[in-house]
Protein backbone atom coordinates (compact mmCIF):
# COMPACT_ATOMS: atom_id res chain seq x y z
CA MET A 1 0.00 0.00 0.00
CA THR A 2 1.16 3.54 -0.65
CA ILE A 3 1.49 6.08 2.13
CA LYS A 4 -1.65 7.78 0.80
CA GLU A 5 -3.64 4.55 1.04
CA VAL A 6 -2.36 3.86 4.57
CA SER A 7 -3.13 7.45 5.57
CA GLU A 8 -6.71 7.08 4.36
CA LYS A 9 -7.17 3.59 5.84
CA PHE A 10 -6.07 4.61 9.34
CA ASP A 11 -7.09 8.29 9.15
CA ILE A 12 -3.54 9.37 9.98
CA PRO A 13 -1.89 12.28 8.17
CA GLN A 14 0.93 11.26 5.84
CA GLY A 15 3.28 13.53 7.76
CA THR A 16 2.53 11.62 10.94
CA LEU A 17 3.27 8.33 9.22
CA ARG A 18 6.59 9.73 7.99
CA TYR A 19 7.39 10.97 11.51
CA TYR A 20 6.53 7.60 13.05
CA GLU A 21 8.93 5.92 10.63
CA LYS A 22 11.63 8.56 11.14
CA VAL A 23 11.67 8.18 14.94
CA GLY A 24 11.31 4.40 14.82
CA LEU A 25 7.71 3.83 15.96
CA ILE A 26 7.20 2.03 12.69
CA PRO A 27 10.16 -0.06 11.57
CA ARG A 28 11.58 0.93 8.17
CA VAL A 29 8.90 0.56 5.52
CA THR A 30 9.80 -1.33 2.33
CA ARG A 31 10.34 0.97 -0.62
CA SER A 32 9.88 0.49 -4.34
CA SER A 33 12.82 0.83 -6.73
CA GLY A 34 11.77 4.46 -7.12
CA GLY A 35 11.95 5.05 -3.36
CA ILE A 36 8.18 5.13 -2.78
CA ARG A 37 6.98 3.57 0.47
CA ASN A 38 5.25 0.24 -0.06
CA TYR A 39 3.56 -0.74 3.21
CA GLN A 40 3.34 -4.49 3.82
CA GLU A 41 0.91 -6.28 6.17
CA SER A 42 3.51 -6.28 8.95
CA ASP A 43 3.95 -2.51 8.55
CA LEU A 44 0.18 -2.03 8.85
CA GLY A 45 0.25 -3.86 12.18
CA TRP A 46 2.81 -1.38 13.49
CA VAL A 47 0.76 1.55 12.18
CA GLU A 48 -2.35 0.22 13.88
CA LEU A 49 -0.48 -0.31 17.15
CA ALA A 50 1.01 3.18 17.06
CA LYS A 51 -2.37 4.79 16.34
CA CYS A 52 -4.10 2.83 19.10
CA MET A 53 -1.46 3.46 21.74
CA ARG A 54 -0.97 7.13 20.86
CA GLY A 55 -4.73 7.56 20.94
CA ALA A 56 -4.71 6.11 24.44
CA GLY A 57 -2.15 8.68 25.48
CA LEU A 58 1.06 6.65 25.51
CA SER A 59 4.12 8.72 24.86
CA VAL A 60 6.32 8.39 21.80
CA GLU A 61 9.19 7.46 24.12
CA VAL A 62 7.32 4.51 25.63
CA LEU A 63 6.21 3.27 22.24
CA LEU A 64 9.71 3.61 20.89
CA GLU A 65 11.05 1.55 23.79
CA TYR A 66 8.46 -1.13 23.04
CA VAL A 67 9.33 -1.23 19.34
CA GLN A 68 13.06 -1.47 20.15
CA LEU A 69 12.42 -4.32 22.56
CA CYS A 70 10.37 -6.16 19.90
CA GLN A 71 13.19 -5.79 17.41
CA GLN A 72 15.67 -7.29 19.88
CA GLY A 73 13.84 -10.62 19.86
CA ASP A 74 12.17 -13.02 22.24
CA SER A 75 14.67 -12.48 25.04
CA THR A 76 12.88 -9.16 25.72
CA ILE A 77 9.43 -10.68 26.19
CA PRO A 78 9.52 -10.21 30.01
CA ASP A 79 10.58 -6.58 29.55
CA ARG A 80 7.80 -5.98 27.02
CA LEU A 81 5.26 -7.54 29.36
CA SER A 82 6.45 -5.32 32.21
CA LEU A 83 6.31 -2.20 30.03
CA LEU A 84 2.75 -3.00 28.86
CA LYS A 85 1.58 -3.69 32.42
CA GLU A 86 3.01 -0.36 33.59
CA GLN A 87 1.21 1.45 30.80
CA LYS A 88 -2.02 -0.37 31.60
CA ASP A 89 -1.75 0.75 35.23
CA HIS A 90 -1.11 4.31 34.07
CA LEU A 91 -4.17 4.24 31.80
CA LEU A 92 -6.34 2.81 34.58
CA GLN A 93 -5.30 5.71 36.84
CA GLN A 94 -6.20 8.15 34.07
CA LYS A 95 -9.53 6.37 33.63
CA GLU A 96 -10.31 6.82 37.34
CA GLN A 97 -9.50 10.52 37.11
CA ILE A 98 -11.72 10.91 34.04
CA GLU A 99 -14.56 9.01 35.73
CA ALA A 100 -14.32 11.28 38.79
CA ALA A 101 -14.43 14.36 36.56
CA LEU A 102 -17.42 12.98 34.66
CA ASN A 103 -19.26 12.28 37.91
CA ARG A 104 -18.65 15.85 39.03
CA LEU A 105 -19.82 17.23 35.69
CA ASN A 106 -22.93 15.03 35.75
CA TYR A 107 -23.79 16.38 39.19
CA LYS A 108 -23.41 19.98 38.04
CA ILE A 109 -25.42 19.31 34.89
CA SER A 110 -28.22 17.80 36.93
CA ARG A 111 -28.30 20.85 39.21
CA TYR A 112 -28.48 23.19 36.22
CA GLU A 113 -31.25 21.09 34.63
CA VAL A 114 -33.27 21.49 37.83
CA ALA A 115 -32.51 25.22 37.86
CA VAL A 116 -33.75 25.58 34.28
CA LYS A 117 -37.05 23.93 35.27
CA THR A 118 -37.51 25.71 38.63
CA GLY A 119 -35.68 28.98 38.12
CA VAL A 120 -33.66 28.29 41.28
CA LEU A 121 -30.03 27.22 41.35
CA ASP A 122 -29.42 25.12 44.47
CA TRP A 123 -25.94 23.70 44.78
CA GLY A 124 -26.58 21.76 47.96
CA GLU A 125 -23.15 20.26 48.60
CA ASN A 126 -21.67 22.18 45.68
């Protein structure tokens, strides 16, 4: 697949794909004799992983460490597992913070909905 096709398939700007390859988040993509990127199935797996993990908030540095570990072979499986577990814990903490914020917003919204109906804004416990 060309970079344009991959960009459209994953809804990622071509510049982002080039950046991911440049910094190593996507291992070197195969190129045609004319130097045009020719993404293979294995490349698409890396693109999908990068998009998913970046969308979840993982840093480029963490993803780069993961990719480097993968490229070093099976001896790094325990390290990769540890890295993924750490990131999972981090995301779960973020999820708790988001849930707390949503609960607070839902409370405030409910108070404003009552105020719209009654004309009185009562915060109760704030």
